Amino acid sequence: MKKLFIYCAGGVGREVCDIADRLNSETAQWAEICFIDDTKELETFYEKRIFTYRNFKRLFSPQDCEMVIANGEPLFRQMLYNKVKADNYQLANIIDCTSVVSATAHLDEGIVLYPFTFISSNVHVSPNTLIYNHSVVAHDSLIGSNTVLSIGVKIAGNCTISKNCFIGAGAVVRERVKVGEWSIVGMGSAICHSLPSDGIYMGNPAARKKENIDRKVFH
C-alpha cells in the first residue's frame, strides 16, 4: 500500500489531511499520510511526519507513494505540479465522501474536492484543480488545470474556466461563459459575460479592475 504525501503544510494542507484521514478511515487507501514542505524544519506537523522535498526524494521513490498539492495559489500549484511531475511522481485524487460526482464526469489527476461539492454530467476537471466545499460545476463545463474554486462557487452549464484561475468565494458564473487564463475573480462576483485572460475582476456584473501582473491571489 502506498503512502500519501500532502505538499504544503499550511491551512489548506490541514484541510486536505482531514479529508484524507476520513477517506482512510472509511476504506484504507494509504499506509501512511505525511506532509512535504520546504519552509518548515520540523519532524512532525498535524501529528504526521513531515519532510522537505529534498529529503522526500531521497527516501521515497515514485513507486512508493502518491502526492497531492495543498496550496490555494494557482501560481504555486502550477510550480509544484511541474516540479513533482518532472520527478515522475503521480498525483492522487482526494475526493471527500460527501461529494457527488457524475459517472460521466472526467477527473484528471491531483484533484481535490472538499465536502459537499457537486460535479455534474460531462464535466471535465483538469489536473491539479482544487474545489472547495459547497461548490457546483454544472453540465458540460471545463475547469482548467491548477485552478482554484473557492467556497460556494457556482459554475453554470457549458462554461470554461481556463487554467490557473482563482474564483473567489460565492462567485457565480453564467452559462456559456469563458473565463480566461490567470483570471482572479473576487468573492461574491457575478460573471455574466466572458472574461479575457490576465485580469482581476470584481462586482455584479464582474468588471475588470486591473491587470493580474504578479499572478498572486494573496499578498
Protein backbone atom coordinates (compact mmCIF):
# COMPACT_ATOMS: atom_id res chain seq x y z
CA MET A 1 0.00 0.00 0.00
CA LYS A 2 1.38 3.41 -0.96
CA LYS A 3 1.92 6.43 1.25
CA LEU A 4 0.18 9.76 0.57
CA PHE A 5 2.24 12.94 0.71
CA ILE A 6 0.48 16.29 1.04
CA TYR A 7 2.67 19.00 -0.46
CA CYS A 8 2.36 22.22 1.61
CA ALA A 9 1.87 22.19 5.36
CA GLY A 10 -0.46 25.10 5.97
CA GLY A 11 -4.17 25.70 6.41
CA VAL A 12 -5.13 24.07 3.12
CA GLY A 13 -2.79 21.19 3.92
CA ARG A 14 -4.55 20.55 7.23
CA GLU A 15 -7.94 20.60 5.49
CA VAL A 16 -6.78 18.17 2.81
CA CYS A 17 -5.30 15.97 5.53
CA ASP A 18 -8.67 15.87 7.31
CA ILE A 19 -10.35 14.69 4.10
CA ALA A 20 -7.66 12.07 3.50
CA ASP A 21 -7.94 10.82 7.07
CA ARG A 22 -11.71 10.41 6.67
CA LEU A 23 -11.21 8.51 3.41
CA ASN A 24 -8.63 6.27 5.05
CA SER A 25 -10.96 5.51 7.96
CA GLU A 26 -13.74 4.52 5.53
CA THR A 27 -11.57 2.40 3.24
CA ALA A 28 -7.86 2.05 3.85
CA GLN A 29 -6.15 3.63 0.84
CA TRP A 30 -2.73 4.68 2.14
CA ALA A 31 -0.29 3.06 4.54
CA GLU A 32 0.62 6.49 5.91
CA ILE A 33 -0.24 10.14 5.32
CA CYS A 34 2.67 12.60 5.50
CA PHE A 35 3.48 16.19 4.61
CA ILE A 36 6.09 17.85 2.41
CA ASP A 37 7.08 21.47 2.99
CA ASP A 38 10.25 23.34 2.07
CA THR A 39 9.66 26.17 4.56
CA LYS A 40 9.39 24.16 7.78
CA GLU A 41 12.21 22.45 9.69
CA LEU A 42 10.02 20.08 11.71
CA GLU A 43 9.79 16.36 12.34
CA THR A 44 6.00 16.32 12.67
CA PHE A 45 3.15 18.57 11.57
CA TYR A 46 -0.52 18.00 12.40
CA GLU A 47 0.54 14.73 14.04
CA LYS A 48 2.05 13.48 10.75
CA ARG A 49 5.63 13.10 9.62
CA ILE A 50 6.90 15.99 7.51
CA PHE A 51 9.79 16.15 5.03
CA THR A 52 11.48 18.72 2.85
CA TYR A 53 11.12 17.84 -0.81
CA ARG A 54 14.83 17.12 -1.00
CA ASN A 55 14.65 14.56 1.81
CA PHE A 56 11.40 13.15 0.48
CA LYS A 57 13.01 12.44 -2.91
CA ARG A 58 15.96 10.78 -1.22
CA LEU A 59 13.75 8.45 0.82
CA PHE A 60 10.73 7.66 -1.38
CA SER A 61 10.59 6.55 -4.99
CA PRO A 62 7.62 7.20 -7.32
CA GLN A 63 6.64 3.56 -6.79
CA ASP A 64 6.33 4.07 -3.03
CA CYS A 65 3.86 6.92 -2.92
CA GLU A 66 1.44 9.37 -4.47
CA MET A 67 1.05 13.06 -3.82
CA VAL A 68 -1.45 15.87 -3.66
CA ILE A 69 -0.76 19.61 -3.75
CA ALA A 70 -2.44 21.60 -0.98
CA ASN A 71 -1.97 25.25 -1.86
CA GLY A 72 -4.62 27.86 -2.63
CA GLU A 73 -2.50 29.88 -5.09
CA PRO A 74 -2.77 28.78 -8.75
CA LEU A 75 0.76 30.05 -9.38
CA PHE A 76 2.26 27.85 -6.67
CA ARG A 77 0.03 24.94 -7.65
CA GLN A 78 1.45 25.11 -11.17
CA MET A 79 5.05 25.38 -9.96
CA LEU A 80 4.77 22.43 -7.57
CA TYR A 81 2.89 20.30 -10.08
CA ASN A 82 5.57 20.80 -12.72
CA LYS A 83 8.25 20.03 -10.13
CA VAL A 84 6.83 16.70 -8.95
CA LYS A 85 5.85 15.56 -12.45
CA ALA A 86 9.41 16.21 -13.64
CA ASP A 87 10.49 13.71 -10.99
CA ASN A 88 7.87 11.18 -12.19
CA TYR A 89 5.65 11.26 -9.09
CA GLN A 90 1.94 10.57 -9.53
CA LEU A 91 -0.82 12.66 -8.01
CA ALA A 92 -3.78 11.25 -6.13
CA ASN A 93 -7.37 12.46 -6.25
CA ILE A 94 -8.66 13.40 -2.79
CA ILE A 95 -12.44 13.43 -3.03
CA ASP A 96 -14.48 13.84 0.14
CA CYS A 97 -17.04 11.10 0.69
CA THR A 98 -19.86 13.70 0.75
CA SER A 99 -19.05 14.99 -2.74
CA VAL A 100 -21.25 13.98 -5.67
CA VAL A 101 -19.53 13.31 -9.00
CA SER A 102 -21.46 12.26 -12.10
CA ALA A 103 -20.49 8.95 -13.65
CA THR A 104 -19.98 10.83 -16.92
CA ALA A 105 -17.67 13.46 -15.43
CA HIS A 106 -13.94 13.14 -16.09
CA LEU A 107 -11.49 13.95 -13.31
CA ASP A 108 -7.79 14.11 -14.15
CA GLU A 109 -5.06 13.54 -11.54
CA GLY A 110 -4.40 15.65 -8.47
CA ILE A 111 -8.00 16.78 -7.98
CA VAL A 112 -9.14 17.84 -4.50
CA LEU A 113 -12.88 18.02 -3.84
CA TYR A 114 -13.86 19.39 -0.45
CA PRO A 115 -17.07 18.30 1.32
CA PHE A 116 -20.43 18.75 -0.39
CA THR A 117 -19.13 19.62 -3.85
CA PHE A 118 -21.19 18.66 -6.91
CA ILE A 119 -19.66 17.82 -10.31
CA SER A 120 -22.35 17.31 -12.94
CA SER A 121 -22.59 15.34 -16.18
CA ASN A 122 -19.84 15.57 -18.82
CA VAL A 123 -17.76 17.97 -16.75
CA HIS A 124 -14.01 17.80 -17.29
CA VAL A 125 -11.83 18.76 -14.33
CA SER A 126 -8.23 19.19 -15.46
CA PRO A 127 -5.14 18.17 -13.45
CA ASN A 128 -4.23 19.70 -10.10
CA THR A 129 -7.52 21.52 -9.50
CA LEU A 130 -8.79 22.45 -6.03
CA ILE A 131 -12.54 22.84 -5.47
CA TYR A 132 -13.77 23.99 -2.07
CA ASN A 133 -16.89 22.94 -0.19
CA HIS A 134 -20.43 23.60 -1.47
CA SER A 135 -19.22 24.47 -4.97
CA VAL A 136 -21.19 23.32 -8.03
CA VAL A 137 -19.96 22.72 -11.58
CA ALA A 138 -22.88 22.18 -13.96
CA HIS A 139 -23.06 20.01 -17.08
CA ASP A 140 -20.55 20.14 -19.94
CA SER A 141 -18.21 22.62 -18.26
CA LEU A 142 -14.41 22.56 -18.28
CA ILE A 143 -12.24 23.51 -15.30
CA GLY A 144 -8.63 24.18 -16.30
CA SER A 145 -5.52 22.85 -14.62
CA ASN A 146 -4.20 24.42 -11.38
CA THR A 147 -7.43 26.36 -10.94
CA VAL A 148 -8.98 27.02 -7.53
CA LEU A 149 -12.74 27.35 -6.99
CA SER A 150 -13.25 28.78 -3.52
CA ILE A 151 -16.14 28.17 -1.12
CA GLY A 152 -19.63 28.06 -2.63
CA VAL A 153 -18.73 28.88 -6.25
CA LYS A 154 -21.48 28.13 -8.78
CA ILE A 155 -20.47 27.38 -12.38
CA ALA A 156 -23.42 27.06 -14.80
CA GLY A 157 -23.56 24.73 -17.80
CA ASN A 158 -21.22 24.82 -20.81
CA CYS A 159 -18.69 27.12 -19.13
CA THR A 160 -14.92 27.15 -19.49
CA ILE A 161 -12.78 28.20 -16.56
CA SER A 162 -9.30 28.29 -18.06
CA LYS A 163 -6.12 27.13 -16.37
CA ASN A 164 -4.53 28.94 -13.43
CA CYS A 165 -7.67 30.84 -12.41
CA PHE A 166 -8.88 31.70 -8.91
CA ILE A 167 -12.64 32.11 -8.46
CA GLY A 168 -13.47 33.69 -5.11
CA ALA A 169 -15.98 32.51 -2.54
CA GLY A 170 -19.62 32.76 -3.54
CA ALA A 171 -18.94 33.84 -7.13
CA VAL A 172 -21.47 32.82 -9.79
CA VAL A 173 -20.69 32.15 -13.46
CA ARG A 174 -23.47 32.36 -16.06
CA GLU A 175 -23.92 29.57 -18.62
CA ARG A 176 -21.74 29.51 -21.78
CA VAL A 177 -19.17 31.89 -20.32
CA LYS A 178 -15.39 31.56 -20.67
CA VAL A 179 -13.00 32.87 -18.02
CA GLY A 180 -9.52 33.43 -19.48
CA GLU A 181 -6.24 32.10 -18.08
CA TRP A 182 -4.77 33.67 -14.94
CA SER A 183 -8.01 35.40 -14.04
CA ILE A 184 -8.79 36.28 -10.43
CA VAL A 185 -12.49 36.76 -9.66
CA GLY A 186 -13.39 38.45 -6.38
CA MET A 187 -15.69 36.89 -3.82
CA GLY A 188 -19.41 37.30 -4.45
CA SER A 189 -18.93 38.42 -8.06
CA ALA A 190 -21.39 37.59 -10.84
CA ILE A 191 -19.73 36.70 -14.14
CA CYS A 192 -22.27 37.47 -16.84
CA HIS A 193 -20.00 37.52 -19.91
CA SER A 194 -16.68 36.03 -20.96
CA LEU A 195 -13.57 37.49 -19.34
CA PRO A 196 -10.19 37.99 -21.07
CA SER A 197 -7.05 36.47 -19.59
CA ASP A 198 -4.75 38.06 -17.00
CA GLY A 199 -7.33 40.22 -15.27
CA ILE A 200 -8.63 40.84 -11.77
CA TYR A 201 -12.43 41.07 -11.81
CA MET A 202 -14.96 42.11 -9.17
CA GLY A 203 -18.60 43.10 -8.84
CA ASN A 204 -22.05 42.35 -10.18
CA PRO A 205 -21.66 42.17 -13.09
CA ALA A 206 -17.95 41.42 -12.76
CA ALA A 207 -15.76 44.15 -14.26
CA ARG A 208 -12.02 44.26 -14.85
CA LYS A 209 -10.31 46.25 -12.10
CA LYS A 210 -6.69 45.80 -13.12
CA GLU A 211 -4.22 43.51 -14.80
CA ASN A 212 -3.08 40.40 -12.94
CA ILE A 213 0.60 41.29 -13.18
CA ASP A 214 2.23 39.23 -10.43
CA ARG A 215 -0.29 36.36 -10.74
CA LYS A 216 -0.72 36.07 -6.99
CA VAL A 217 -4.07 35.98 -5.22
CA PHE A 218 -2.90 36.50 -1.64
CA HIS A 219 -0.39 39.22 -0.75
